[in-house]
């Protein structure tokens, strides 16, 4: 008997910046039953080198009739509000990399309602983190605390609000310049602390998760230290990621996590 062939996963990417370019590059290298059907951008004139065969789109209504299986956003917080409802209307799953958008409770509630009415899913990738599955599982029992410490070299904090809080060119050792909730961190530093929303939503929420931001001239990459305590026991995880070559504010692991999420939609053995 001839083995039936698997239908290729039809994928759309929202955003054509460093992360989604890396995602497309890795998908092309790895092959598999995945087709990038469309790339959504704000300015078509600025979007070059999109994957061969992909349609360049600029408005949410252009998602209609693309027969999509998955839409992946990596275009910044604003894009989630612009594209989110249409994505959930036109695909069974919408993966959101710019999770700082979920600091807007009204937006999150609206997207959840749209997903429920369409029997679609909002997927939150692990971003640059490790151990998110452990925190999510641990949260089934009461959690007492989750602390997320983000350590990056000074260059990664340039061009952000950190420059108003610390003299990045003058520090000689690891220096914490912010301590607060995940909601505050992601709202004030959406490019660098977006990932704090991931640990928050996996565990005890945006207002109970504590975040510390650190600039460290000795840091070799973008680091995350997660600590959780609760009825399950204790969890401590540290990871230091290589930054994306084209954007020091983002980590290679962010793109790799998206690849894993995408490929798991078509693989027989999901890990």
C-alpha atoms as a PDB file:
ATOM      1  CA  UNK A   1       0.000   0.000   0.000  1.00  0.00           C
ATOM      2  CA  UNK A   2       1.284   3.434  -0.912  1.00  0.00           C
ATOM      3  CA  UNK A   3       1.855   5.607   2.116  1.00  0.00           C
ATOM      4  CA  UNK A   4      -0.299   8.748   1.892  1.00  0.00           C
ATOM      5  CA  UNK A   5       1.726  11.935   1.539  1.00  0.00           C
ATOM      6  CA  UNK A   6       1.399  14.601   4.184  1.00  0.00           C
ATOM      7  CA  UNK A   7      -0.174  17.862   3.090  1.00  0.00           C
ATOM      8  CA  UNK A   8       2.438  20.651   3.281  1.00  0.00           C
ATOM      9  CA  UNK A   9       1.875  23.168   6.057  1.00  0.00           C
ATOM     10  CA  UNK A  10       0.919  26.521   4.563  1.00  0.00           C
ATOM     11  CA  UNK A  11       2.623  29.267   6.555  1.00  0.00           C
ATOM     12  CA  UNK A  12       2.361  33.053   6.537  1.00  0.00           C
ATOM     13  CA  UNK A  13       4.911  35.309   8.224  1.00  0.00           C
ATOM     14  CA  UNK A  14       3.930  38.691   9.637  1.00  0.00           C
ATOM     15  CA  UNK A  15       7.003  40.871   9.576  1.00  0.00           C
ATOM     16  CA  UNK A  16      10.182  40.611   7.550  1.00  0.00           C
ATOM     17  CA  UNK A  17      12.748  41.727  10.076  1.00  0.00           C
ATOM     18  CA  UNK A  18      15.694  39.876  11.564  1.00  0.00           C
ATOM     19  CA  UNK A  19      13.684  37.142  13.292  1.00  0.00           C
ATOM     20  CA  UNK A  20      11.391  36.109  10.442  1.00  0.00           C
ATOM     21  CA  UNK A  21      14.216  36.370   7.918  1.00  0.00           C
ATOM     22  CA  UNK A  22      16.174  33.924  10.060  1.00  0.00           C
ATOM     23  CA  UNK A  23      13.112  31.681  10.359  1.00  0.00           C
ATOM     24  CA  UNK A  24      12.733  31.609   6.574  1.00  0.00           C
ATOM     25  CA  UNK A  25      16.443  30.929   6.142  1.00  0.00           C
ATOM     26  CA  UNK A  26      16.388  27.996   8.551  1.00  0.00           C
ATOM     27  CA  UNK A  27      13.228  26.523   7.037  1.00  0.00           C
ATOM     28  CA  UNK A  28      14.839  26.644   3.595  1.00  0.00           C
ATOM     29  CA  UNK A  29      17.972  24.929   4.911  1.00  0.00           C
ATOM     30  CA  UNK A  30      16.056  22.191   6.708  1.00  0.00           C
ATOM     31  CA  UNK A  31      13.508  21.428   4.008  1.00  0.00           C
ATOM     32  CA  UNK A  32      10.344  19.593   5.019  1.00  0.00           C
ATOM     33  CA  UNK A  33       6.642  19.888   4.332  1.00  0.00           C
ATOM     34  CA  UNK A  34       6.386  23.616   4.980  1.00  0.00           C
ATOM     35  CA  UNK A  35       5.555  26.280   2.401  1.00  0.00           C
ATOM     36  CA  UNK A  36       5.810  30.004   3.090  1.00  0.00           C
ATOM     37  CA  UNK A  37       2.710  31.227   1.307  1.00  0.00           C
ATOM     38  CA  UNK A  38       2.804  34.901   2.254  1.00  0.00           C
ATOM     39  CA  UNK A  39       4.911  37.555   3.971  1.00  0.00           C
ATOM     40  CA  UNK A  40       3.057  40.489   5.516  1.00  0.00           C
ATOM     41  CA  UNK A  41       4.776  43.844   5.863  1.00  0.00           C
ATOM     42  CA  UNK A  42       3.841  47.456   6.486  1.00  0.00           C
ATOM     43  CA  UNK A  43       5.856  48.850   3.573  1.00  0.00           C
ATOM     44  CA  UNK A  44       6.114  46.661   0.488  1.00  0.00           C
ATOM     45  CA  UNK A  45       8.844  48.831  -1.031  1.00  0.00           C
ATOM     46  CA  UNK A  46      11.164  48.018   1.880  1.00  0.00           C
ATOM     47  CA  UNK A  47      10.650  44.239   1.728  1.00  0.00           C
ATOM     48  CA  UNK A  48      13.192  42.546  -0.495  1.00  0.00           C
ATOM     49  CA  UNK A  49      14.332  38.950  -0.821  1.00  0.00           C
ATOM     50  CA  UNK A  50      11.106  37.339   0.335  1.00  0.00           C
ATOM     51  CA  UNK A  51      10.960  33.571  -0.249  1.00  0.00           C
ATOM     52  CA  UNK A  52      10.333  32.490  -3.813  1.00  0.00           C
ATOM     53  CA  UNK A  53       6.656  31.855  -4.440  1.00  0.00           C
ATOM     54  CA  UNK A  54       5.515  33.815  -1.393  1.00  0.00           C
ATOM     55  CA  UNK A  55       2.952  36.562  -1.811  1.00  0.00           C
ATOM     56  CA  UNK A  56       3.820  39.964  -0.399  1.00  0.00           C
ATOM     57  CA  UNK A  57       0.832  41.431   1.448  1.00  0.00           C
ATOM     58  CA  UNK A  58       0.299  44.659   3.352  1.00  0.00           C
ATOM     59  CA  UNK A  59      -3.269  44.503   4.723  1.00  0.00           C
ATOM     60  CA  UNK A  60      -5.034  41.923   6.913  1.00  0.00           C
ATOM     61  CA  UNK A  61      -7.850  41.344   4.428  1.00  0.00           C
ATOM     62  CA  UNK A  62      -5.276  39.868   2.031  1.00  0.00           C
ATOM     63  CA  UNK A  63      -5.115  36.790   4.268  1.00  0.00           C
ATOM     64  CA  UNK A  64      -8.451  35.750   2.775  1.00  0.00           C
ATOM     65  CA  UNK A  65      -8.398  32.662   0.526  1.00  0.00           C
ATOM     66  CA  UNK A  66      -4.755  31.787   1.267  1.00  0.00           C
ATOM     67  CA  UNK A  67      -5.789  28.491   2.923  1.00  0.00           C
ATOM     68  CA  UNK A  68      -3.311  28.958   5.763  1.00  0.00           C
ATOM     69  CA  UNK A  69      -2.470  26.446   8.481  1.00  0.00           C
ATOM     70  CA  UNK A  70      -0.336  28.736  10.650  1.00  0.00           C
ATOM     71  CA  UNK A  71       0.524  32.422  10.874  1.00  0.00           C
ATOM     72  CA  UNK A  72       3.680  33.518  12.706  1.00  0.00           C
ATOM     73  CA  UNK A  73       4.096  37.122  13.882  1.00  0.00           C
ATOM     74  CA  UNK A  74       7.503  38.688  14.540  1.00  0.00           C
ATOM     75  CA  UNK A  75       6.887  42.297  13.573  1.00  0.00           C
ATOM     76  CA  UNK A  76       6.611  44.180  16.849  1.00  0.00           C
ATOM     77  CA  UNK A  77       3.916  44.898  19.392  1.00  0.00           C
ATOM     78  CA  UNK A  78       1.761  47.083  17.157  1.00  0.00           C
ATOM     79  CA  UNK A  79       1.491  44.355  14.513  1.00  0.00           C
ATOM     80  CA  UNK A  80      -0.308  42.018  16.921  1.00  0.00           C
ATOM     81  CA  UNK A  81      -3.215  44.430  17.205  1.00  0.00           C
ATOM     82  CA  UNK A  82      -3.296  45.113  13.471  1.00  0.00           C
ATOM     83  CA  UNK A  83      -3.099  41.512  12.252  1.00  0.00           C
ATOM     84  CA  UNK A  84      -4.239  39.390  15.195  1.00  0.00           C
ATOM     85  CA  UNK A  85      -7.981  39.133  14.655  1.00  0.00           C
ATOM     86  CA  UNK A  86      -7.629  38.573  10.903  1.00  0.00           C
ATOM     87  CA  UNK A  87      -4.992  35.926  11.541  1.00  0.00           C
ATOM     88  CA  UNK A  88      -7.308  34.035  13.889  1.00  0.00           C
ATOM     89  CA  UNK A  89     -10.145  34.367  11.384  1.00  0.00           C
ATOM     90  CA  UNK A  90      -8.093  32.925   8.525  1.00  0.00           C
ATOM     91  CA  UNK A  91      -5.875  30.270  10.126  1.00  0.00           C
ATOM     92  CA  UNK A  92      -6.348  27.648  12.832  1.00  0.00           C
ATOM     93  CA  UNK A  93      -3.276  28.891  14.717  1.00  0.00           C
ATOM     94  CA  UNK A  94      -1.558  32.258  15.280  1.00  0.00           C
ATOM     95  CA  UNK A  95       1.892  32.316  16.916  1.00  0.00           C
ATOM     96  CA  UNK A  96       2.826  35.612  18.575  1.00  0.00           C
ATOM     97  CA  UNK A  97       6.500  36.462  19.070  1.00  0.00           C
ATOM     98  CA  UNK A  98       5.846  40.082  20.125  1.00  0.00           C
ATOM     99  CA  UNK A  99       4.232  39.019  23.372  1.00  0.00           C
ATOM    100  CA  UNK A 100       4.613  42.469  24.946  1.00  0.00           C
ATOM    101  CA  UNK A 101       1.362  43.212  23.070  1.00  0.00           C
ATOM    102  CA  UNK A 102      -0.391  41.080  25.693  1.00  0.00           C
ATOM    103  CA  UNK A 103       0.308  43.739  28.313  1.00  0.00           C
ATOM    104  CA  UNK A 104      -2.808  45.298  26.776  1.00  0.00           C
ATOM    105  CA  UNK A 105      -5.503  43.339  28.599  1.00  0.00           C
ATOM    106  CA  UNK A 106      -8.241  44.510  26.236  1.00  0.00           C
ATOM    107  CA  UNK A 107      -6.311  43.344  23.172  1.00  0.00           C
ATOM    108  CA  UNK A 108      -5.607  39.962  24.717  1.00  0.00           C
ATOM    109  CA  UNK A 109      -9.266  39.516  25.654  1.00  0.00           C
ATOM    110  CA  UNK A 110     -10.333  40.474  22.129  1.00  0.00           C
ATOM    111  CA  UNK A 111      -7.941  37.994  20.540  1.00  0.00           C
ATOM    112  CA  UNK A 112      -9.023  35.213  22.891  1.00  0.00           C
ATOM    113  CA  UNK A 113     -12.668  35.892  22.039  1.00  0.00           C
ATOM    114  CA  UNK A 114     -11.855  35.801  18.317  1.00  0.00           C
ATOM    115  CA  UNK A 115      -9.948  32.548  18.727  1.00  0.00           C
ATOM    116  CA  UNK A 116     -12.799  30.972  20.649  1.00  0.00           C
ATOM    117  CA  UNK A 117     -15.364  31.971  18.029  1.00  0.00           C
ATOM    118  CA  UNK A 118     -13.212  30.432  15.273  1.00  0.00           C
ATOM    119  CA  UNK A 119     -11.974  27.384  17.215  1.00  0.00           C
ATOM    120  CA  UNK A 120      -8.456  28.655  16.519  1.00  0.00           C
ATOM    121  CA  UNK A 121      -5.442  28.877  18.815  1.00  0.00           C
ATOM    122  CA  UNK A 122      -3.091  31.607  20.000  1.00  0.00           C
ATOM    123  CA  UNK A 123       0.368  30.080  20.354  1.00  0.00           C
ATOM    124  CA  UNK A 124       3.047  31.591  22.581  1.00  0.00           C
ATOM    125  CA  UNK A 125       6.519  30.412  21.555  1.00  0.00           C
ATOM    126  CA  UNK A 126       9.272  30.065  24.186  1.00  0.00           C
ATOM    127  CA  UNK A 127      11.194  32.996  22.761  1.00  0.00           C
ATOM    128  CA  UNK A 128      14.767  33.113  24.016  1.00  0.00           C
ATOM    129  CA  UNK A 129      13.949  31.068  27.121  1.00  0.00           C
ATOM    130  CA  UNK A 130      14.474  27.558  28.395  1.00  0.00           C
ATOM    131  CA  UNK A 131      12.257  25.850  30.955  1.00  0.00           C
ATOM    132  CA  UNK A 132       8.968  27.496  30.029  1.00  0.00           C
ATOM    133  CA  UNK A 133       7.307  24.087  29.799  1.00  0.00           C
ATOM    134  CA  UNK A 134       8.413  23.426  33.375  1.00  0.00           C
ATOM    135  CA  UNK A 135       6.975  26.690  34.700  1.00  0.00           C
ATOM    136  CA  UNK A 136       3.713  26.117  32.830  1.00  0.00           C
ATOM    137  CA  UNK A 137       3.402  22.620  34.282  1.00  0.00           C
ATOM    138  CA  UNK A 138       4.343  23.833  37.762  1.00  0.00           C
ATOM    139  CA  UNK A 139       1.600  26.485  37.611  1.00  0.00           C
ATOM    140  CA  UNK A 140      -1.038  23.736  37.746  1.00  0.00           C
ATOM    141  CA  UNK A 141      -0.329  23.844  41.486  1.00  0.00           C
ATOM    142  CA  UNK A 142       0.037  27.106  43.429  1.00  0.00           C
ATOM    143  CA  UNK A 143       3.178  29.093  42.605  1.00  0.00           C
ATOM    144  CA  UNK A 144       4.658  31.379  45.253  1.00  0.00           C
ATOM    145  CA  UNK A 145       7.009  33.365  43.018  1.00  0.00           C
ATOM    146  CA  UNK A 146       8.599  33.603  39.606  1.00  0.00           C
ATOM    147  CA  UNK A 147      11.646  35.819  39.126  1.00  0.00           C
ATOM    148  CA  UNK A 148      13.077  36.549  35.666  1.00  0.00           C
ATOM    149  CA  UNK A 149      16.503  38.206  35.411  1.00  0.00           C
ATOM    150  CA  UNK A 150      17.546  39.440  31.953  1.00  0.00           C
ATOM    151  CA  UNK A 151      21.261  40.119  31.426  1.00  0.00           C
ATOM    152  CA  UNK A 152      22.538  41.608  28.166  1.00  0.00           C
ATOM    153  CA  UNK A 153      25.672  43.477  27.079  1.00  0.00           C
ATOM    154  CA  UNK A 154      25.391  47.276  26.994  1.00  0.00           C
ATOM    155  CA  UNK A 155      25.128  47.302  23.186  1.00  0.00           C
ATOM    156  CA  UNK A 156      21.873  45.367  23.381  1.00  0.00           C
ATOM    157  CA  UNK A 157      20.311  48.079  25.582  1.00  0.00           C
ATOM    158  CA  UNK A 158      21.267  51.014  23.356  1.00  0.00           C
ATOM    159  CA  UNK A 159      18.375  52.754  21.683  1.00  0.00           C
ATOM    160  CA  UNK A 160      16.040  51.804  24.544  1.00  0.00           C
ATOM    161  CA  UNK A 161      14.784  53.463  27.723  1.00  0.00           C
ATOM    162  CA  UNK A 162      17.794  51.971  29.503  1.00  0.00           C
ATOM    163  CA  UNK A 163      19.853  54.935  28.272  1.00  0.00           C
ATOM    164  CA  UNK A 164      17.798  57.205  30.527  1.00  0.00           C
ATOM    165  CA  UNK A 165      18.501  55.030  33.569  1.00  0.00           C
ATOM    166  CA  UNK A 166      22.154  54.066  33.227  1.00  0.00           C
ATOM    167  CA  UNK A 167      25.338  55.330  31.539  1.00  0.00           C
ATOM    168  CA  UNK A 168      25.859  52.298  29.323  1.00  0.00           C
ATOM    169  CA  UNK A 169      29.298  53.410  28.106  1.00  0.00           C
ATOM    170  CA  UNK A 170      30.644  53.890  31.623  1.00  0.00           C
ATOM    171  CA  UNK A 171      29.725  50.711  33.499  1.00  0.00           C
ATOM    172  CA  UNK A 172      32.535  48.248  34.272  1.00  0.00           C
ATOM    173  CA  UNK A 173      30.530  45.447  35.889  1.00  0.00           C
ATOM    174  CA  UNK A 174      27.068  43.903  35.807  1.00  0.00           C
ATOM    175  CA  UNK A 175      24.624  46.646  36.799  1.00  0.00           C
ATOM    176  CA  UNK A 176      20.898  46.275  37.413  1.00  0.00           C
ATOM    177  CA  UNK A 177      18.973  49.313  36.200  1.00  0.00           C
ATOM    178  CA  UNK A 178      15.356  48.138  36.479  1.00  0.00           C
ATOM    179  CA  UNK A 179      13.329  46.010  38.863  1.00  0.00           C
ATOM    180  CA  UNK A 180       9.572  45.622  38.598  1.00  0.00           C
ATOM    181  CA  UNK A 181       6.752  43.505  37.264  1.00  0.00           C
ATOM    182  CA  UNK A 182       6.759  41.682  33.950  1.00  0.00           C
ATOM    183  CA  UNK A 183       4.036  44.051  32.739  1.00  0.00           C
ATOM    184  CA  UNK A 184       6.192  47.098  33.546  1.00  0.00           C
ATOM    185  CA  UNK A 185       9.341  45.600  32.021  1.00  0.00           C
ATOM    186  CA  UNK A 186       7.708  44.555  28.757  1.00  0.00           C
ATOM    187  CA  UNK A 187       5.849  47.847  28.437  1.00  0.00           C
ATOM    188  CA  UNK A 188       8.937  49.994  28.979  1.00  0.00           C
ATOM    189  CA  UNK A 189      11.399  47.763  27.108  1.00  0.00           C
ATOM    190  CA  UNK A 190       9.356  45.971  24.425  1.00  0.00           C
ATOM    191  CA  UNK A 191      12.368  45.121  22.259  1.00  0.00           C
ATOM    192  CA  UNK A 192      14.470  43.658  25.069  1.00  0.00           C
ATOM    193  CA  UNK A 193      12.049  42.492  27.761  1.00  0.00           C
ATOM    194  CA  UNK A 194       9.243  41.245  25.513  1.00  0.00           C
ATOM    195  CA  UNK A 195      10.267  37.771  26.666  1.00  0.00           C
ATOM    196  CA  UNK A 196       9.197  38.554  30.243  1.00  0.00           C
ATOM    197  CA  UNK A 197       5.581  38.218  29.108  1.00  0.00           C
ATOM    198  CA  UNK A 198       6.294  34.624  28.116  1.00  0.00           C
ATOM    199  CA  UNK A 199       7.512  33.632  31.574  1.00  0.00           C
ATOM    200  CA  UNK A 200       4.644  35.597  33.123  1.00  0.00           C
ATOM    201  CA  UNK A 201       1.866  33.982  31.101  1.00  0.00           C
ATOM    202  CA  UNK A 202       3.382  30.544  31.692  1.00  0.00           C
ATOM    203  CA  UNK A 203       3.344  31.073  35.449  1.00  0.00           C
ATOM    204  CA  UNK A 204       1.708  33.593  37.786  1.00  0.00           C
ATOM    205  CA  UNK A 205       0.837  36.458  35.469  1.00  0.00           C
ATOM    206  CA  UNK A 206       2.092  39.856  34.405  1.00  0.00           C
ATOM    207  CA  UNK A 207       1.655  41.593  37.743  1.00  0.00           C
ATOM    208  CA  UNK A 208       3.124  38.956  40.063  1.00  0.00           C
ATOM    209  CA  UNK A 209       6.153  37.932  38.013  1.00  0.00           C
ATOM    210  CA  UNK A 210       9.211  39.944  39.065  1.00  0.00           C
ATOM    211  CA  UNK A 211      11.739  41.084  36.461  1.00  0.00           C
ATOM    212  CA  UNK A 212      15.237  42.499  36.836  1.00  0.00           C
ATOM    213  CA  UNK A 213      17.094  44.018  33.887  1.00  0.00           C
ATOM    214  CA  UNK A 214      20.882  44.068  33.884  1.00  0.00           C
ATOM    215  CA  UNK A 215      23.579  45.520  31.630  1.00  0.00           C
ATOM    216  CA  UNK A 216      26.830  43.573  31.844  1.00  0.00           C
ATOM    217  CA  UNK A 217      29.928  44.487  29.796  1.00  0.00           C
ATOM    218  CA  UNK A 218      31.275  40.971  30.407  1.00  0.00           C
ATOM    219  CA  UNK A 219      28.172  39.246  29.013  1.00  0.00           C
ATOM    220  CA  UNK A 220      28.929  37.101  26.012  1.00  0.00           C
ATOM    221  CA  UNK A 221      25.318  36.965  24.883  1.00  0.00           C
ATOM    222  CA  UNK A 222      21.751  37.627  25.954  1.00  0.00           C
ATOM    223  CA  UNK A 223      21.141  35.852  29.249  1.00  0.00           C
ATOM    224  CA  UNK A 224      18.030  34.806  31.127  1.00  0.00           C
ATOM    225  CA  UNK A 225      17.837  33.444  34.658  1.00  0.00           C
ATOM    226  CA  UNK A 226      14.499  32.007  35.729  1.00  0.00           C
ATOM    227  CA  UNK A 227      13.625  31.088  39.285  1.00  0.00           C
ATOM    228  CA  UNK A 228      10.300  29.610  40.396  1.00  0.00           C
ATOM    229  CA  UNK A 229       9.097  28.419  43.789  1.00  0.00           C
ATOM    230  CA  UNK A 230       5.817  26.756  44.671  1.00  0.00           C
ATOM    231  CA  UNK A 231       3.928  23.628  45.651  1.00  0.00           C
ATOM    232  CA  UNK A 232       5.740  21.674  42.912  1.00  0.00           C
ATOM    233  CA  UNK A 233       9.175  22.426  44.410  1.00  0.00           C
ATOM    234  CA  UNK A 234      11.941  24.695  43.071  1.00  0.00           C
ATOM    235  CA  UNK A 235      13.126  25.523  39.547  1.00  0.00           C
ATOM    236  CA  UNK A 236      16.259  27.439  38.561  1.00  0.00           C
ATOM    237  CA  UNK A 237      17.303  27.737  34.925  1.00  0.00           C
ATOM    238  CA  UNK A 238      19.915  29.889  33.216  1.00  0.00           C
ATOM    239  CA  UNK A 239      20.540  30.307  29.499  1.00  0.00           C
ATOM    240  CA  UNK A 240      22.910  32.569  27.571  1.00  0.00           C
ATOM    241  CA  UNK A 241      21.934  33.029  23.945  1.00  0.00           C
ATOM    242  CA  UNK A 242      23.947  34.154  20.987  1.00  0.00           C
ATOM    243  CA  UNK A 243      22.400  37.362  19.627  1.00  0.00           C
ATOM    244  CA  UNK A 244      21.102  37.408  16.085  1.00  0.00           C
ATOM    245  CA  UNK A 245      23.855  38.665  13.792  1.00  0.00           C
ATOM    246  CA  UNK A 246      21.493  41.239  12.296  1.00  0.00           C
ATOM    247  CA  UNK A 247      19.910  42.444  15.555  1.00  0.00           C
ATOM    248  CA  UNK A 248      21.755  42.344  18.936  1.00  0.00           C
ATOM    249  CA  UNK A 249      18.485  42.981  20.811  1.00  0.00           C
ATOM    250  CA  UNK A 250      17.150  39.571  19.712  1.00  0.00           C
ATOM    251  CA  UNK A 251      18.523  36.091  20.304  1.00  0.00           C
ATOM    252  CA  UNK A 252      19.182  33.246  17.921  1.00  0.00           C
ATOM    253  CA  UNK A 253      17.100  31.071  20.241  1.00  0.00           C
ATOM    254  CA  UNK A 254      14.015  33.171  19.462  1.00  0.00           C
ATOM    255  CA  UNK A 255      14.163  32.083  15.831  1.00  0.00           C
ATOM    256  CA  UNK A 256      15.024  28.507  16.788  1.00  0.00           C
ATOM    257  CA  UNK A 257      12.007  28.353  19.097  1.00  0.00           C
ATOM    258  CA  UNK A 258       9.775  29.446  16.234  1.00  0.00           C
ATOM    259  CA  UNK A 259      11.264  26.774  13.982  1.00  0.00           C
ATOM    260  CA  UNK A 260      10.470  24.132  16.586  1.00  0.00           C
ATOM    261  CA  UNK A 261       6.902  25.435  16.944  1.00  0.00           C
ATOM    262  CA  UNK A 262       6.377  25.423  13.160  1.00  0.00           C
ATOM    263  CA  UNK A 263       7.905  21.998  12.555  1.00  0.00           C
ATOM    264  CA  UNK A 264       5.952  20.440  15.409  1.00  0.00           C
ATOM    265  CA  UNK A 265       2.763  21.229  13.493  1.00  0.00           C
ATOM    266  CA  UNK A 266       3.765  18.673  10.831  1.00  0.00           C
ATOM    267  CA  UNK A 267       6.019  16.176  12.596  1.00  0.00           C
ATOM    268  CA  UNK A 268       4.819  12.738  13.601  1.00  0.00           C
ATOM    269  CA  UNK A 269       6.968  12.724  16.739  1.00  0.00           C
ATOM    270  CA  UNK A 270       6.422  15.971  18.610  1.00  0.00           C
ATOM    271  CA  UNK A 271       9.067  16.895  21.168  1.00  0.00           C
END
